[in-house]
C-alpha atoms as a PDB file:
ATOM      1  CA  GLN A   1      79.239  71.925 117.669  1.00  0.00           C
ATOM      2  CA  VAL A   2      79.775  68.931 115.360  1.00  0.00           C
ATOM      3  CA  GLN A   3      82.799  66.794 116.145  1.00  0.00           C
ATOM      4  CA  LEU A   4      84.409  64.358 113.710  1.00  0.00           C
ATOM      5  CA  VAL A   5      87.162  62.028 114.903  1.00  0.00           C
ATOM      6  CA  GLU A   6      89.105  59.825 112.477  1.00  0.00           C
ATOM      7  CA  SER A   7      90.995  56.655 113.343  1.00  0.00           C
ATOM      8  CA  GLY A   8      92.545  53.638 111.637  1.00  0.00           C
ATOM      9  CA  GLY A   9      95.486  55.234 109.859  1.00  0.00           C
ATOM     10  CA  GLY A  10      98.914  53.636 109.837  1.00  0.00           C
ATOM     11  CA  SER A  11     101.804  52.331 107.746  1.00  0.00           C
ATOM     12  CA  VAL A  12     101.447  49.474 105.252  1.00  0.00           C
ATOM     13  CA  GLN A  13     103.312  48.047 102.275  1.00  0.00           C
ATOM     14  CA  ALA A  14     102.064  48.470  98.712  1.00  0.00           C
ATOM     15  CA  GLY A  15      99.209  46.090  97.985  1.00  0.00           C
ATOM     16  CA  GLY A  16      98.027  46.087 101.585  1.00  0.00           C
ATOM     17  CA  SER A  17      94.765  47.286 103.121  1.00  0.00           C
ATOM     18  CA  LEU A  18      93.540  49.694 105.789  1.00  0.00           C
ATOM     19  CA  ARG A  19      90.109  50.636 107.124  1.00  0.00           C
ATOM     20  CA  LEU A  20      89.536  54.200 108.292  1.00  0.00           C
ATOM     21  CA  SER A  21      86.721  55.215 110.643  1.00  0.00           C
ATOM     22  CA  CYS A  22      85.131  58.585 111.429  1.00  0.00           C
ATOM     23  CA  ALA A  23      82.900  58.973 114.481  1.00  0.00           C
ATOM     24  CA  ALA A  24      80.435  61.891 114.429  1.00  0.00           C
ATOM     25  CA  SER A  25      78.884  63.520 117.500  1.00  0.00           C
ATOM     26  CA  GLY A  26      77.451  66.773 118.870  1.00  0.00           C
ATOM     27  CA  TYR A  27      74.756  67.534 116.266  1.00  0.00           C
ATOM     28  CA  SER A  28      70.957  67.683 116.559  1.00  0.00           C
ATOM     29  CA  TYR A  29      69.944  67.250 112.910  1.00  0.00           C
ATOM     30  CA  ASP A  30      70.766  64.572 110.364  1.00  0.00           C
ATOM     31  CA  ILE A  31      73.952  64.878 108.343  1.00  0.00           C
ATOM     32  CA  ASP A  32      73.049  65.080 104.647  1.00  0.00           C
ATOM     33  CA  CYS A  33      76.346  63.873 103.221  1.00  0.00           C
ATOM     34  CA  MET A  34      79.761  62.744 104.430  1.00  0.00           C
ATOM     35  CA  ALA A  35      83.032  62.502 102.564  1.00  0.00           C
ATOM     36  CA  TRP A  36      86.709  61.629 102.711  1.00  0.00           C
ATOM     37  CA  PHE A  37      89.440  63.964 101.453  1.00  0.00           C
ATOM     38  CA  ARG A  38      93.216  63.561 101.466  1.00  0.00           C
ATOM     39  CA  GLN A  39      96.295  65.733 101.192  1.00  0.00           C
ATOM     40  CA  ALA A  40      99.798  64.530 100.352  1.00  0.00           C
ATOM     41  CA  PRO A  41     102.959  66.545 101.109  1.00  0.00           C
ATOM     42  CA  GLY A  42     103.400  69.333  98.565  1.00  0.00           C
ATOM     43  CA  LYS A  43     100.020  68.697  96.939  1.00  0.00           C
ATOM     44  CA  GLU A  44      96.544  70.215  97.086  1.00  0.00           C
ATOM     45  CA  ARG A  45      93.797  68.625  99.139  1.00  0.00           C
ATOM     46  CA  GLU A  46      91.744  66.324  96.918  1.00  0.00           C
ATOM     47  CA  PRO A  47      88.410  64.505  97.256  1.00  0.00           C
ATOM     48  CA  VAL A  48      88.386  60.734  97.709  1.00  0.00           C
ATOM     49  CA  ALA A  49      84.720  59.725  98.044  1.00  0.00           C
ATOM     50  CA  ARG A  50      81.327  60.849  99.383  1.00  0.00           C
ATOM     51  CA  ILE A  51      78.124  59.156 100.525  1.00  0.00           C
ATOM     52  CA  PHE A  52      74.605  60.503 101.132  1.00  0.00           C
ATOM     53  CA  SER A  53      73.213  59.517 104.523  1.00  0.00           C
ATOM     54  CA  SER A  54      69.625  59.052 103.357  1.00  0.00           C
ATOM     55  CA  ASN A  55      70.028  56.708 100.383  1.00  0.00           C
ATOM     56  CA  GLY A  56      73.654  55.575 100.488  1.00  0.00           C
ATOM     57  CA  LYS A  57      74.459  56.994  97.034  1.00  0.00           C
ATOM     58  CA  THR A  58      78.227  57.148  96.524  1.00  0.00           C
ATOM     59  CA  LEU A  59      80.729  58.933  94.301  1.00  0.00           C
ATOM     60  CA  TYR A  60      84.450  58.155  93.984  1.00  0.00           C
ATOM     61  CA  ALA A  61      87.481  59.914  92.614  1.00  0.00           C
ATOM     62  CA  ASP A  62      88.859  58.125  89.535  1.00  0.00           C
ATOM     63  CA  SER A  63      92.163  57.522  91.298  1.00  0.00           C
ATOM     64  CA  VAL A  64      90.566  55.263  93.932  1.00  0.00           C
ATOM     65  CA  LYS A  65      87.620  53.762  92.035  1.00  0.00           C
ATOM     66  CA  GLY A  66      87.621  49.978  92.289  1.00  0.00           C
ATOM     67  CA  ARG A  67      90.063  49.970  95.216  1.00  0.00           C
ATOM     68  CA  PHE A  68      88.341  52.026  97.937  1.00  0.00           C
ATOM     69  CA  THR A  69      84.845  51.612  99.382  1.00  0.00           C
ATOM     70  CA  ILE A  70      83.012  54.264 101.423  1.00  0.00           C
ATOM     71  CA  SER A  71      80.238  53.130 103.762  1.00  0.00           C
ATOM     72  CA  GLN A  72      78.288  54.258 106.817  1.00  0.00           C
ATOM     73  CA  ASP A  73      76.563  52.967 109.924  1.00  0.00           C
ATOM     74  CA  ASN A  74      73.902  55.577 110.712  1.00  0.00           C
ATOM     75  CA  ALA A  75      72.938  53.926 114.004  1.00  0.00           C
ATOM     76  CA  LYS A  76      76.538  54.233 115.207  1.00  0.00           C
ATOM     77  CA  LYS A  77      77.009  57.631 113.505  1.00  0.00           C
ATOM     78  CA  THR A  78      80.192  56.329 111.943  1.00  0.00           C
ATOM     79  CA  LEU A  79      81.704  56.682 108.465  1.00  0.00           C
ATOM     80  CA  TYR A  80      84.182  54.168 107.019  1.00  0.00           C
ATOM     81  CA  LEU A  81      86.693  53.985 104.196  1.00  0.00           C
ATOM     82  CA  GLN A  82      87.942  50.530 103.235  1.00  0.00           C
ATOM     83  CA  MET A  83      91.183  50.900 101.278  1.00  0.00           C
ATOM     84  CA  ASN A  84      92.502  47.906  99.325  1.00  0.00           C
ATOM     85  CA  SER A  85      95.400  47.459  96.894  1.00  0.00           C
ATOM     86  CA  LEU A  86      97.116  50.494  98.374  1.00  0.00           C
ATOM     87  CA  LYS A  87      99.773  52.291  96.336  1.00  0.00           C
ATOM     88  CA  PRO A  88     102.607  54.608  97.453  1.00  0.00           C
ATOM     89  CA  GLU A  89     100.727  57.507  95.827  1.00  0.00           C
ATOM     90  CA  ASP A  90      97.892  56.935  98.327  1.00  0.00           C
ATOM     91  CA  THR A  91     100.192  58.231 101.071  1.00  0.00           C
ATOM     92  CA  ALA A  92      98.487  61.282 102.592  1.00  0.00           C
ATOM     93  CA  MET A  93      96.659  62.740 105.557  1.00  0.00           C
ATOM     94  CA  TYR A  94      93.049  61.594 105.287  1.00  0.00           C
ATOM     95  CA  TYR A  95      90.220  63.851 106.497  1.00  0.00           C
ATOM     96  CA  CYS A  96      86.569  63.150 107.266  1.00  0.00           C
ATOM     97  CA  ALA A  97      84.021  65.877 106.406  1.00  0.00           C
ATOM     98  CA  ALA A  98      80.276  66.436 106.936  1.00  0.00           C
ATOM     99  CA  ASP A  99      77.683  68.450 104.976  1.00  0.00           C
ATOM    100  CA  LEU A 100      74.713  69.466 107.140  1.00  0.00           C
ATOM    101  CA  ASN A 101      73.312  72.103 104.742  1.00  0.00           C
ATOM    102  CA  GLY A 102      72.570  69.915 101.742  1.00  0.00           C
ATOM    103  CA  GLY A 103      74.965  71.642  99.352  1.00  0.00           C
ATOM    104  CA  SER A 104      76.239  68.306  98.048  1.00  0.00           C
ATOM    105  CA  ARG A 105      72.807  67.566  96.550  1.00  0.00           C
ATOM    106  CA  TYR A 106      73.435  70.298  93.971  1.00  0.00           C
ATOM    107  CA  SER A 107      77.024  69.271  93.232  1.00  0.00           C
ATOM    108  CA  PRO A 108      77.817  66.686  90.527  1.00  0.00           C
ATOM    109  CA  ILE A 109      81.351  66.497  91.944  1.00  0.00           C
ATOM    110  CA  ILE A 110      82.782  66.362  95.450  1.00  0.00           C
ATOM    111  CA  GLN A 111      83.574  69.933  96.557  1.00  0.00           C
ATOM    112  CA  SER A 112      85.320  71.049  99.743  1.00  0.00           C
ATOM    113  CA  GLY A 113      83.045  74.105  99.987  1.00  0.00           C
ATOM    114  CA  ASP A 114      79.969  71.913 100.512  1.00  0.00           C
ATOM    115  CA  PHE A 115      81.368  70.516 103.750  1.00  0.00           C
ATOM    116  CA  GLY A 116      81.295  72.708 106.836  1.00  0.00           C
ATOM    117  CA  TYR A 117      82.755  70.328 109.400  1.00  0.00           C
ATOM    118  CA  TRP A 118      86.101  68.553 109.331  1.00  0.00           C
ATOM    119  CA  GLY A 119      88.014  66.055 111.430  1.00  0.00           C
ATOM    120  CA  GLN A 120      91.626  66.378 112.552  1.00  0.00           C
ATOM    121  CA  GLY A 121      92.910  63.843 110.038  1.00  0.00           C
ATOM    122  CA  THR A 122      94.623  60.458 110.220  1.00  0.00           C
ATOM    123  CA  GLN A 123      97.916  59.637 108.491  1.00  0.00           C
ATOM    124  CA  VAL A 124      98.188  56.850 105.911  1.00  0.00           C
ATOM    125  CA  THR A 125     101.647  55.843 104.700  1.00  0.00           C
ATOM    126  CA  VAL A 126     102.190  53.256 101.945  1.00  0.00           C
ATOM    127  CA  SER A 127     105.720  52.022 101.254  1.00  0.00           C
ATOM    128  CA  SER A 128     106.975  50.281  98.113  1.00  0.00           C
END
């Protein structure tokens, strides 16, 4: 029922910036929490950041803290990820995810199992 569509991925040189967007649609109730995950070739999927829809509280992975910023526009039902000072190790497929059940409220860390809906992903490639 819930659809998440990412956009904004592309190829940039190290030190550059990109802004990812995730448009949500098809749901009747408020989304409790939204997050970004990423997966690089040969590696496990890892959390990037999350944000609670009600109060805007955020949590970031240590690897992106200080460089990435997660934000939301509830009126437009859109999630964003501003990525600055990009590094080659940031190269990955980036996925948008939504938690409609409230599981994230009980999780001190970002967990894939708390998110029941996922987008198709958008590729980010950073060259050195």
